[in-house]
N, C-alpha and C. Protein backbone atom coordinates (compact mmCIF):
# COMPACT_ATOMS: atom_id res chain seq x y z
N UNK A 1 -12.62 -7.53 93.78
CA UNK A 1 -12.48 -6.08 93.50
C UNK A 1 -11.54 -6.42 92.15
N UNK A 2 -11.83 -5.23 90.68
CA UNK A 2 -11.86 -5.27 89.32
C UNK A 2 -10.51 -4.36 89.70
N UNK A 3 -9.55 -4.42 89.89
CA UNK A 3 -8.28 -3.79 89.28
C UNK A 3 -7.65 -3.14 87.43
N UNK A 4 -8.17 -2.18 88.03
CA UNK A 4 -7.87 -1.68 86.45
C UNK A 4 -7.15 -0.48 86.63
N UNK A 5 -6.01 -0.51 85.41
CA UNK A 5 -4.91 0.63 84.47
C UNK A 5 -5.47 1.25 83.59
N UNK A 6 -5.91 2.74 83.87
CA UNK A 6 -5.90 3.51 82.52
C UNK A 6 -4.87 3.84 81.99
N UNK A 7 -4.94 4.53 80.96
CA UNK A 7 -3.24 5.79 80.58
C UNK A 7 -4.02 5.46 79.35
N UNK A 8 -3.25 6.90 78.64
CA UNK A 8 -2.95 7.50 77.35
C UNK A 8 -1.75 8.55 77.65
N UNK A 9 -2.06 8.89 75.99
CA UNK A 9 -1.06 9.67 75.62
C UNK A 9 -0.81 11.01 76.31
N UNK A 10 -0.50 12.61 76.61
CA UNK A 10 -0.94 13.44 76.96
C UNK A 10 -1.69 14.20 75.91
N UNK A 11 -3.01 14.71 75.98
CA UNK A 11 -3.63 15.14 75.27
C UNK A 11 -4.49 14.31 75.27
N UNK A 12 -4.87 12.63 75.17
CA UNK A 12 -5.57 12.14 74.64
C UNK A 12 -6.59 12.01 75.11
N UNK A 13 -6.54 12.26 75.98
CA UNK A 13 -8.39 12.43 76.55
C UNK A 13 -8.56 12.04 77.76
N UNK A 14 -7.60 11.21 78.43
CA UNK A 14 -7.63 10.32 79.53
C UNK A 14 -8.71 10.39 80.52
N UNK A 15 -8.27 12.03 81.13
CA UNK A 15 -8.78 12.49 82.45
C UNK A 15 -10.56 12.53 81.56
N UNK A 16 -11.03 12.74 81.43
CA UNK A 16 -12.02 12.74 80.49
C UNK A 16 -13.04 11.71 80.64
N UNK A 17 -11.85 10.49 80.14
CA UNK A 17 -12.55 9.10 80.13
C UNK A 17 -12.37 8.63 81.66
N UNK A 18 -11.58 8.90 82.37
CA UNK A 18 -11.72 8.65 83.79
C UNK A 18 -12.68 9.01 84.47
N UNK A 19 -13.45 10.10 84.46
CA UNK A 19 -14.40 10.95 84.82
C UNK A 19 -15.14 10.57 84.45
N UNK A 20 -16.22 10.12 83.07
CA UNK A 20 -16.94 9.57 82.87
C UNK A 20 -16.83 8.02 83.93
N UNK A 21 -15.77 7.85 83.78
CA UNK A 21 -16.60 5.92 84.97
C UNK A 21 -16.76 6.04 86.54
N UNK A 22 -15.93 7.53 86.09
CA UNK A 22 -16.41 7.95 88.13
C UNK A 22 -17.84 8.11 87.95
N UNK A 23 -18.67 8.88 86.65
CA UNK A 23 -19.84 8.71 86.95
C UNK A 23 -20.55 7.55 86.72
N UNK A 24 -19.98 6.39 86.74
CA UNK A 24 -21.05 4.77 86.57
C UNK A 24 -20.21 4.64 87.83
N UNK A 25 -19.48 5.44 88.70
CA UNK A 25 -19.80 4.28 89.43
C UNK A 25 -17.82 3.58 89.87
N UNK A 26 -16.79 3.55 89.56
CA UNK A 26 -15.39 3.61 89.22
C UNK A 26 -15.48 4.15 90.88
N UNK A 27 -14.31 3.70 91.18
CA UNK A 27 -13.23 3.96 92.95
C UNK A 27 -11.98 4.79 91.98
N UNK A 28 -12.09 6.33 91.60
CA UNK A 28 -10.87 6.42 91.02
C UNK A 28 -9.11 6.16 92.07
N UNK A 29 -8.48 5.97 91.64
CA UNK A 29 -6.69 6.69 91.90
C UNK A 29 -6.19 7.08 91.22
N UNK A 30 -5.95 8.81 91.35
CA UNK A 30 -5.35 9.85 90.25
C UNK A 30 -3.96 9.22 90.41
N UNK A 31 -2.97 9.19 89.83
CA UNK A 31 -2.32 9.29 90.05
C UNK A 31 -1.44 10.96 89.79
N UNK A 32 -1.95 11.28 88.81
CA UNK A 32 -1.53 12.80 88.82
C UNK A 32 -0.95 13.59 89.69
N UNK A 33 -2.95 13.59 90.26
CA UNK A 33 -3.07 13.40 91.93
C UNK A 33 -2.88 13.53 93.01
N UNK A 34 -2.35 12.70 93.84
CA UNK A 34 -1.59 12.01 94.37
C UNK A 34 0.36 12.23 94.32
N UNK A 35 0.49 12.52 92.74
CA UNK A 35 2.49 12.86 93.35
C UNK A 35 2.07 14.84 93.55
N UNK A 36 1.09 15.13 92.99
CA UNK A 36 0.93 17.23 93.60
C UNK A 36 1.35 16.71 94.79
N UNK A 37 -0.23 16.38 95.48
CA UNK A 37 -0.45 16.27 97.37
C UNK A 37 1.24 15.42 97.50
N UNK A 38 1.60 14.81 97.13
CA UNK A 38 2.89 13.78 98.02
C UNK A 38 3.99 15.34 97.75
N UNK A 39 4.25 16.00 97.33
CA UNK A 39 4.95 17.25 97.23
C UNK A 39 4.71 18.67 97.90
N UNK A 40 3.55 18.42 98.68
CA UNK A 40 3.51 19.98 99.01
C UNK A 40 4.26 20.20 100.34
N UNK A 41 3.70 21.61 100.22
CA UNK A 41 4.34 21.67 101.02
C UNK A 41 4.20 21.43 102.49
N UNK A 42 5.71 21.06 103.16
CA UNK A 42 6.24 20.39 104.45
C UNK A 42 6.04 18.76 104.62
N UNK A 43 6.01 18.52 103.07
CA UNK A 43 6.28 16.55 103.51
C UNK A 43 7.22 16.43 102.92
N UNK A 44 7.17 15.01 103.65
CA UNK A 44 9.22 14.45 102.70
C UNK A 44 9.53 14.51 102.00
N UNK A 45 8.76 13.91 100.97
CA UNK A 45 8.35 14.48 99.08
C UNK A 45 9.17 15.83 98.85
N UNK A 46 8.60 16.99 99.17
CA UNK A 46 8.73 18.05 98.73
C UNK A 46 9.98 18.68 98.95
N UNK A 47 11.37 17.96 100.29
CA UNK A 47 12.08 17.92 100.91
C UNK A 47 13.15 16.92 99.84
N UNK A 48 12.65 15.75 100.08
CA UNK A 48 13.46 14.99 98.86
C UNK A 48 13.97 14.83 97.49
N UNK A 49 12.63 16.20 96.91
CA UNK A 49 12.63 17.28 95.57
C UNK A 49 13.18 18.31 95.88
N UNK A 50 13.96 19.37 96.58
CA UNK A 50 14.49 19.98 97.37
C UNK A 50 16.19 20.03 96.93
N UNK A 51 16.25 18.74 97.92
CA UNK A 51 17.02 18.12 98.21
C UNK A 51 18.57 17.74 96.75
N UNK A 52 17.91 17.11 95.27
CA UNK A 52 18.25 16.63 94.46
C UNK A 52 18.19 18.11 93.30
N UNK A 53 17.05 18.88 93.40
CA UNK A 53 17.18 19.64 92.85
C UNK A 53 17.76 21.16 92.62
N UNK A 54 17.61 21.48 94.04
CA UNK A 54 17.66 22.78 94.77
C UNK A 54 16.69 23.64 95.52
N UNK A 55 16.45 24.52 95.42
CA UNK A 55 15.96 25.39 96.33
C UNK A 55 15.03 26.39 94.54
N UNK A 56 16.22 26.16 93.40
CA UNK A 56 15.47 27.29 92.67
C UNK A 56 14.37 26.27 91.63
N UNK A 57 13.62 25.20 92.02
CA UNK A 57 12.60 24.84 91.75
C UNK A 57 11.51 25.43 93.09
N UNK A 58 11.56 25.71 93.89
CA UNK A 58 10.32 26.26 94.69
C UNK A 58 9.54 27.46 94.50
N UNK A 59 8.79 27.66 94.73
CA UNK A 59 8.02 29.12 94.23
C UNK A 59 8.40 29.42 95.86
N UNK A 60 7.60 31.48 95.39
CA UNK A 60 8.31 32.32 96.20
C UNK A 60 7.08 31.45 97.80
N UNK A 61 5.95 30.97 97.83
CA UNK A 61 5.54 30.40 98.50
C UNK A 61 6.12 29.63 98.99
N UNK A 62 7.18 29.11 99.05
CA UNK A 62 7.32 27.34 99.04
C UNK A 62 6.97 26.28 98.44
N UNK A 63 6.15 26.42 97.46
CA UNK A 63 5.76 25.30 96.89
C UNK A 63 6.27 24.67 96.02
N UNK A 64 5.79 23.37 95.45
CA UNK A 64 7.00 23.34 94.20
C UNK A 64 6.28 24.19 92.97
N UNK A 65 7.56 24.88 92.52
CA UNK A 65 7.73 25.37 91.48
C UNK A 65 6.81 24.11 90.43
N UNK A 66 6.03 23.79 89.58
CA UNK A 66 6.30 22.38 89.06
C UNK A 66 6.84 23.52 87.58
N UNK A 67 6.61 24.60 86.90
CA UNK A 67 7.18 24.34 85.39
C UNK A 67 7.44 24.59 85.12
N UNK A 68 9.32 24.96 86.49
CA UNK A 68 10.23 25.24 86.18
C UNK A 68 11.32 23.72 86.67
N UNK A 69 10.63 22.83 87.41
CA UNK A 69 10.62 21.56 87.42
C UNK A 69 10.77 20.76 86.14
N UNK A 70 9.72 21.22 85.44
CA UNK A 70 9.86 20.66 83.85
C UNK A 70 9.73 20.71 83.13
N UNK A 71 10.66 21.97 83.13
CA UNK A 71 11.48 22.18 82.35
C UNK A 71 12.78 21.66 82.31
N UNK A 72 13.11 21.57 83.48
CA UNK A 72 14.52 20.60 83.82
C UNK A 72 14.24 19.27 83.31
N UNK A 73 13.67 18.74 83.99
CA UNK A 73 13.50 17.25 83.87
C UNK A 73 12.99 16.10 82.64
N UNK A 74 12.07 17.66 81.96
CA UNK A 74 11.44 17.16 80.75
C UNK A 74 12.73 17.80 79.38
N UNK A 75 13.39 17.75 79.34
CA UNK A 75 15.12 18.42 79.40
C UNK A 75 15.77 16.93 78.98
N UNK A 76 16.02 16.57 80.27
CA UNK A 76 16.99 15.60 80.80
C UNK A 76 16.54 14.10 81.73
N UNK A 77 16.65 13.22 80.22
CA UNK A 77 16.09 12.11 81.01
C UNK A 77 17.04 11.48 82.30
N UNK A 78 18.23 11.92 82.29
CA UNK A 78 18.50 11.21 83.91
C UNK A 78 18.42 11.62 85.40
N UNK A 79 17.88 13.26 84.98
CA UNK A 79 17.63 14.28 85.53
C UNK A 79 15.85 13.40 86.10
N UNK A 80 14.62 13.57 84.76
CA UNK A 80 13.70 12.63 85.32
C UNK A 80 14.02 11.58 85.45
N UNK A 81 14.53 10.47 85.02
CA UNK A 81 14.86 9.14 86.39
C UNK A 81 14.99 10.07 87.93
N UNK A 82 15.48 10.37 88.06
CA UNK A 82 15.91 10.88 89.77
C UNK A 82 14.60 11.60 90.15
N UNK A 83 13.92 12.27 89.86
CA UNK A 83 12.22 13.01 90.53
C UNK A 83 12.07 11.64 90.58
N UNK A 84 11.62 10.56 89.30
CA UNK A 84 10.67 9.31 89.29
C UNK A 84 11.46 8.50 90.39
N UNK A 85 12.15 8.69 90.50
CA UNK A 85 12.81 7.66 91.40
C UNK A 85 12.55 8.03 92.92
N UNK A 86 11.84 9.68 93.41
CA UNK A 86 11.44 10.31 94.61
C UNK A 86 10.54 10.31 94.86
N UNK A 87 9.41 10.31 93.95
CA UNK A 87 7.54 10.54 93.68
C UNK A 87 6.69 9.10 93.22
N UNK A 88 7.66 8.31 92.75
CA UNK A 88 6.98 7.10 92.28
C UNK A 88 6.43 6.15 93.27
N UNK A 89 8.04 5.85 94.93
CA UNK A 89 7.43 5.26 95.83
C UNK A 89 6.59 5.90 96.50
N UNK A 90 6.35 7.14 96.85
CA UNK A 90 5.80 7.73 97.46
C UNK A 90 4.54 7.67 97.22
N UNK A 91 4.07 7.81 95.64
CA UNK A 91 2.78 7.59 94.89
C UNK A 91 2.30 6.09 94.76
N UNK A 92 2.61 5.18 94.35
CA UNK A 92 2.45 3.62 94.71
C UNK A 92 2.28 3.44 96.25
N UNK A 93 2.75 4.05 97.25
CA UNK A 93 2.36 3.58 98.45
C UNK A 93 0.29 4.38 98.91
N UNK A 94 0.87 5.45 98.25
CA UNK A 94 -0.55 6.15 98.47
C UNK A 94 -1.51 5.62 97.60
N UNK A 95 -1.56 5.18 96.75
CA UNK A 95 -2.64 4.20 95.68
C UNK A 95 -2.99 3.36 96.35
N UNK A 96 -2.07 2.42 97.10
CA UNK A 96 -2.54 1.50 97.34
C UNK A 96 -3.34 1.31 98.34
N UNK A 97 -3.19 2.84 99.80
CA UNK A 97 -4.10 2.57 100.83
C UNK A 97 -5.62 3.39 100.37
N UNK A 98 -5.29 3.88 98.63
CA UNK A 98 -6.61 3.84 98.69
C UNK A 98 -7.77 2.66 97.88
N UNK A 99 -6.78 2.09 97.29
CA UNK A 99 -7.16 1.53 97.00
C UNK A 99 -8.19 0.31 97.43
N UNK A 100 -7.35 -0.12 99.07
CA UNK A 100 -7.59 -0.68 99.67
C UNK A 100 -9.07 -0.39 100.14
N UNK A 101 -9.46 0.94 100.22
CA UNK A 101 -10.47 1.15 100.96
C UNK A 101 -11.75 1.10 100.26
N UNK A 102 -11.61 1.06 98.55
CA UNK A 102 -12.90 0.34 97.55
C UNK A 102 -13.49 -1.16 98.11
N UNK A 103 -14.57 -0.92 97.78
CA UNK A 103 -15.56 -2.04 98.60
C UNK A 103 -14.96 -3.61 97.30
N UNK A 104 -15.40 -4.82 98.41
CA UNK A 104 -14.73 -6.10 97.58
C UNK A 104 -15.42 -6.12 96.00
N UNK A 105 -16.57 -5.70 95.73
CA UNK A 105 -17.33 -5.74 94.88
C UNK A 105 -16.63 -4.33 93.40
N UNK A 106 -15.72 -4.13 93.57
CA UNK A 106 -16.11 -2.12 92.99
C UNK A 106 -15.23 -2.56 92.08
N UNK A 107 -15.12 -1.42 91.18
CA UNK A 107 -14.05 -1.41 90.16
C UNK A 107 -13.12 -0.34 90.16
N UNK A 108 -11.72 -0.52 90.31
CA UNK A 108 -10.90 0.93 91.06
C UNK A 108 -9.98 0.82 89.30
N UNK A 109 -9.85 2.25 89.17
CA UNK A 109 -9.20 2.50 87.79
C UNK A 109 -7.94 3.30 88.55
N UNK A 110 -6.57 3.13 88.49
CA UNK A 110 -5.33 3.88 88.44
C UNK A 110 -5.89 4.62 87.26
N UNK A 111 -5.51 5.95 87.38
CA UNK A 111 -5.24 6.75 85.92
C UNK A 111 -4.25 6.98 86.50
N UNK A 112 -2.90 6.48 84.82
CA UNK A 112 -1.94 6.50 85.11
C UNK A 112 -1.22 6.96 84.31
N UNK A 113 -0.63 8.46 84.07
CA UNK A 113 -0.34 8.52 82.58
C UNK A 113 0.84 7.73 82.10
N UNK A 114 2.24 7.52 83.24
CA UNK A 114 3.50 6.44 82.20
C UNK A 114 3.33 4.88 83.14
N UNK A 115 1.88 5.05 82.47
CA UNK A 115 1.76 2.93 82.96
C UNK A 115 2.81 2.46 82.33
N UNK A 116 2.57 2.28 80.90
CA UNK A 116 3.77 2.07 79.67
C UNK A 116 4.79 2.09 79.91
N UNK A 117 5.32 3.34 79.79
CA UNK A 117 6.61 3.93 80.59
C UNK A 117 8.18 3.08 81.64
N UNK A 118 6.83 2.35 82.45
CA UNK A 118 7.10 2.27 84.19
C UNK A 118 6.84 0.72 83.73
N UNK A 119 5.86 0.07 82.80
CA UNK A 119 6.14 -1.35 82.58
C UNK A 119 5.19 -1.81 83.60
N UNK A 120 4.41 -0.82 84.32
CA UNK A 120 3.37 -1.94 85.15
C UNK A 120 2.24 -2.30 84.90
N UNK A 121 1.56 -2.75 83.57
CA UNK A 121 0.95 -3.64 83.40
C UNK A 121 0.75 -4.41 84.34
N UNK A 122 1.36 -5.20 84.98
CA UNK A 122 0.65 -6.28 85.74
C UNK A 122 0.37 -6.32 86.66
N UNK A 123 0.75 -5.01 87.09
CA UNK A 123 0.01 -4.45 88.46
C UNK A 123 -1.74 -4.62 88.26
N UNK A 124 -2.20 -4.52 87.20
CA UNK A 124 -3.67 -4.29 86.94
C UNK A 124 -4.17 -6.00 86.55
N UNK A 125 -5.83 -6.11 86.47
CA UNK A 125 -6.45 -6.95 86.00
C UNK A 125 -7.10 -6.81 84.51
N UNK A 126 -6.99 -5.78 84.03
CA UNK A 126 -6.79 -5.26 82.81
C UNK A 126 -6.56 -4.36 82.70
N UNK A 127 -6.04 -3.24 81.15
CA UNK A 127 -5.13 -2.33 81.22
C UNK A 127 -6.20 -1.61 79.87
N UNK A 128 -6.95 -0.44 80.23
CA UNK A 128 -7.45 0.44 78.95
C UNK A 128 -6.68 1.38 78.71
N UNK A 129 -6.55 1.82 77.32
CA UNK A 129 -5.31 2.82 77.07
C UNK A 129 -6.34 3.61 76.13
N UNK A 130 -6.49 4.96 76.03
CA UNK A 130 -7.02 6.46 75.41
C UNK A 130 -6.14 6.12 74.36
N UNK A 131 -6.84 6.36 73.32
CA UNK A 131 -6.00 6.36 72.00
C UNK A 131 -6.28 7.43 71.38
N UNK A 132 -5.96 8.71 70.60
CA UNK A 132 -5.60 9.71 68.69
C UNK A 132 -4.50 9.36 68.50
N UNK A 133 -4.44 9.35 67.49
CA UNK A 133 -3.26 10.33 66.14
C UNK A 133 -2.13 10.93 67.55
N UNK A 134 -1.58 10.86 67.10
CA UNK A 134 -0.31 12.31 67.67
C UNK A 134 -0.39 13.09 66.81
N UNK A 135 -1.08 13.45 65.81
CA UNK A 135 -1.61 14.75 65.49
C UNK A 135 -2.62 15.74 66.28
N UNK A 136 -3.29 14.72 66.78
CA UNK A 136 -4.55 14.68 67.07
C UNK A 136 -4.15 15.66 68.82
N UNK A 137 -3.04 14.62 69.66
CA UNK A 137 -2.60 15.05 70.68
C UNK A 137 -2.00 16.40 70.90
N UNK A 138 -0.85 16.59 69.44
CA UNK A 138 -0.16 17.73 69.20
C UNK A 138 -1.76 18.81 69.12
N UNK A 139 -2.75 19.01 68.79
CA UNK A 139 -3.43 20.37 68.06
C UNK A 139 -4.35 20.07 69.46
N UNK A 140 -4.50 19.59 70.31
CA UNK A 140 -4.82 19.58 71.67
C UNK A 140 -3.88 20.35 72.66
N UNK A 141 -2.68 20.41 72.88
CA UNK A 141 -2.05 20.57 73.29
C UNK A 141 -1.75 21.77 73.76
N UNK A 142 -1.51 22.71 71.85
CA UNK A 142 -1.74 23.62 71.08
C UNK A 142 -3.09 24.91 72.03
N UNK A 143 -3.65 23.93 71.77
CA UNK A 143 -5.07 24.53 71.86
C UNK A 143 -5.72 24.73 72.99
N UNK A 144 -5.36 23.28 74.10
CA UNK A 144 -6.34 23.63 75.04
C UNK A 144 -5.48 23.73 76.25
N UNK A 145 -3.61 23.72 75.93
CA UNK A 145 -2.75 24.27 77.16
C UNK A 145 -1.94 24.78 76.43
N UNK A 146 -2.08 25.51 75.74
CA UNK A 146 -1.25 27.02 75.26
C UNK A 146 -0.21 26.73 75.41
N UNK A 147 0.34 25.27 74.94
CA UNK A 147 1.70 25.12 74.49
C UNK A 147 1.80 25.52 73.30
N UNK A 148 3.47 25.50 73.07
CA UNK A 148 3.46 25.51 71.08
C UNK A 148 3.74 23.74 70.95
N UNK A 149 3.45 24.15 69.61
CA UNK A 149 4.18 22.82 69.26
C UNK A 149 5.13 22.42 69.80
N UNK A 150 6.14 22.97 69.13
CA UNK A 150 7.77 22.47 70.53
C UNK A 150 7.60 21.90 71.23
N UNK A 151 6.60 22.43 71.87
CA UNK A 151 6.91 21.75 74.22
C UNK A 151 6.14 21.38 73.71
N UNK A 152 4.96 21.08 72.22
CA UNK A 152 3.99 20.11 72.19
C UNK A 152 4.66 18.08 72.24
N UNK A 153 5.73 18.19 70.69
CA UNK A 153 6.06 17.22 71.53
C UNK A 153 6.88 16.97 71.70
N UNK A 154 7.87 17.81 71.98
CA UNK A 154 8.72 17.31 73.82
C UNK A 154 7.93 17.06 74.70
N UNK A 155 6.91 16.82 74.47
CA UNK A 155 5.93 16.52 75.67
C UNK A 155 5.38 14.86 75.51
N UNK A 156 5.34 15.04 74.37
CA UNK A 156 5.03 13.69 74.12
C UNK A 156 6.02 12.69 73.58
N UNK A 157 7.03 13.15 73.49
CA UNK A 157 8.29 12.38 73.11
C UNK A 157 8.81 11.80 74.33
N UNK A 158 9.19 12.73 75.34
CA UNK A 158 9.09 12.02 77.18
C UNK A 158 8.82 11.09 77.59
N UNK A 159 7.01 10.39 76.43
CA UNK A 159 6.11 10.02 77.14
C UNK A 159 6.32 8.57 75.88
N UNK A 160 6.20 7.05 76.05
CA UNK A 160 6.18 6.34 75.42
C UNK A 160 4.86 6.43 73.75
N UNK A 161 5.67 5.77 73.62
CA UNK A 161 4.68 6.19 72.28
C UNK A 161 3.60 5.26 71.77
N UNK A 162 3.00 5.76 70.51
CA UNK A 162 1.31 4.86 70.95
C UNK A 162 1.97 3.42 71.05
N UNK A 163 2.51 2.53 69.91
CA UNK A 163 2.60 1.58 69.80
C UNK A 163 3.12 0.87 71.49
N UNK A 164 3.98 1.58 72.19
CA UNK A 164 4.11 0.73 73.28
C UNK A 164 2.78 1.25 74.21
N UNK A 165 1.83 1.95 74.06
CA UNK A 165 1.04 2.20 74.67
C UNK A 165 0.31 1.22 74.96
N UNK A 166 -0.43 0.78 72.83
CA UNK A 166 -1.72 -0.01 72.25
C UNK A 166 -1.29 -1.14 72.53
N UNK A 167 0.59 -1.57 73.21
CA UNK A 167 0.75 -3.25 73.26
C UNK A 167 0.50 -3.44 74.40
N UNK A 168 0.11 -3.22 75.62
CA UNK A 168 -0.16 -2.74 76.71
C UNK A 168 -1.79 -3.21 76.98
N UNK A 169 -2.57 -3.05 75.79
CA UNK A 169 -3.71 -1.77 75.93
C UNK A 169 -5.10 -3.60 76.23
N UNK A 170 -5.43 -3.71 76.95
CA UNK A 170 -6.47 -5.25 76.82
C UNK A 170 -7.89 -4.71 75.84
N UNK A 171 -7.88 -3.04 76.50
CA UNK A 171 -9.25 -2.48 76.15
C UNK A 171 -8.71 -0.48 74.88
N UNK A 172 -9.70 -1.06 73.84
CA UNK A 172 -8.52 0.32 73.83
C UNK A 172 -10.10 0.90 73.52
N UNK A 173 -9.98 2.27 74.01
CA UNK A 173 -10.95 3.71 73.74
C UNK A 173 -11.23 4.49 73.04
N UNK A 174 -11.35 4.28 71.27
CA UNK A 174 -10.59 6.06 70.53
C UNK A 174 -11.34 6.72 70.54
N UNK A 175 -10.54 8.24 71.17
CA UNK A 175 -11.04 9.37 71.13
C UNK A 175 -10.86 10.35 70.34
N UNK A 176 -10.42 9.57 69.27
CA UNK A 176 -10.84 10.56 67.42
C UNK A 176 -12.14 10.43 67.45
N UNK A 177 -13.36 10.55 68.47
CA UNK A 177 -14.48 11.00 68.17
C UNK A 177 -15.65 11.73 69.15
N UNK A 178 -16.77 12.20 68.93
CA UNK A 178 -17.61 13.11 69.79
C UNK A 178 -18.36 12.98 71.17
N UNK A 179 -18.18 13.80 71.89
CA UNK A 179 -18.72 13.50 73.08
C UNK A 179 -19.55 12.45 73.59
N UNK A 180 -20.90 12.50 72.86
CA UNK A 180 -21.88 12.06 72.58
C UNK A 180 -20.96 10.36 72.24
N UNK A 181 -20.37 9.88 71.46
CA UNK A 181 -19.85 9.22 70.77
C UNK A 181 -18.66 8.47 72.37
N UNK A 182 -18.26 9.39 72.46
CA UNK A 182 -17.28 8.75 74.23
C UNK A 182 -17.85 7.90 74.83
N UNK A 183 -18.91 9.38 75.04
CA UNK A 183 -19.97 8.63 76.16
C UNK A 183 -20.69 7.14 76.34
N UNK A 184 -21.03 6.55 74.95
CA UNK A 184 -21.63 5.49 74.69
C UNK A 184 -20.50 4.11 74.34
N UNK A 185 -19.52 4.41 74.63
CA UNK A 185 -18.23 3.56 74.71
C UNK A 185 -17.72 3.18 75.44
N UNK A 186 -17.90 4.41 76.47
CA UNK A 186 -17.61 4.31 77.97
C UNK A 186 -18.26 3.88 78.12
N UNK A 187 -19.89 3.52 78.51
CA UNK A 187 -20.88 3.03 79.30
C UNK A 187 -20.80 1.33 78.76
N UNK A 188 -20.44 1.05 77.50
CA UNK A 188 -20.01 -0.14 76.95
C UNK A 188 -19.21 -0.83 77.57
N UNK A 189 -17.53 0.01 77.88
CA UNK A 189 -16.83 -0.40 79.20
C UNK A 189 -17.14 -0.41 80.20
N UNK A 190 -17.66 0.15 80.99
CA UNK A 190 -18.17 -0.19 81.75
C UNK A 190 -19.14 -0.98 82.46
N UNK A 191 -19.82 -1.78 81.34
CA UNK A 191 -20.76 -2.15 81.65
C UNK A 191 -20.07 -4.41 81.61
N UNK A 192 -19.09 -4.14 81.06
CA UNK A 192 -17.70 -4.74 80.60
C UNK A 192 -17.23 -5.51 82.08
N UNK A 193 -16.63 -3.88 82.70
CA UNK A 193 -16.09 -4.05 84.18
C UNK A 193 -16.73 -4.04 84.86
N UNK A 194 -17.94 -3.90 85.09
CA UNK A 194 -19.06 -3.57 86.50
C UNK A 194 -19.03 -5.28 86.88
N UNK A 195 -19.70 -5.94 85.31
CA UNK A 195 -20.59 -7.07 85.81
C UNK A 195 -18.87 -8.11 86.43
N UNK A 196 -17.78 -8.15 85.36
CA UNK A 196 -16.43 -8.88 85.81
C UNK A 196 -16.03 -9.07 87.45
N UNK A 197 -16.01 -7.44 87.72
CA UNK A 197 -15.66 -6.89 89.10
C UNK A 197 -16.92 -8.00 90.11
N UNK A 198 -18.27 -8.25 89.98
CA UNK A 198 -19.05 -8.50 90.39
C UNK A 198 -19.21 -10.17 90.59
N UNK A 199 -18.87 -10.55 89.24
CA UNK A 199 -18.47 -12.28 89.10
C UNK A 199 -17.51 -12.18 89.93
N UNK A 200 -16.43 -11.63 89.91
CA UNK A 200 -15.51 -12.41 90.94
C UNK A 200 -15.06 -11.82 91.90
N UNK A 201 -16.09 -11.66 92.41
CA UNK A 201 -16.09 -11.20 94.01
C UNK A 201 -16.43 -12.21 94.87
């Protein structure tokens, strides 16, 4: 089994790369999706978040009001650390459970937005970084997610810098390209990953 960490800054196109890898046969462990699961209504995770941040972070239906919580934690590194201390252990446990379900000669791709920030590179056999220019990230966030430029810059500032991500990369996928070119690059990367996973069996 080959364990791969996939990361990239917000707006870099990491989700598209993970989708393409899954098309080739990768077993995806999506940290963002798991992070939502572990704070669904009725979970110990949501109870812990409410205890730490108050009931104002709940929506009317009892679910987590993610935009409200985001406003709190993105503006305050200490509060963000509190949230991470609740959510990250829960995500880690669920990720490990999903990884165990993959076949022995499979490629498991962990889609981890904060891989560089949290010093997680050593957990993986190799790390793939999806890379674009910071100005491209901003343009995409404004266009596709409806953020203001100020909001986009704030979200980016809460993440590792481009240099920090590239420093942990074993493979870099440049996403300043057309979708067809990206598909070709991902296919090339996949061929190497798949061959290594089968050789390591």
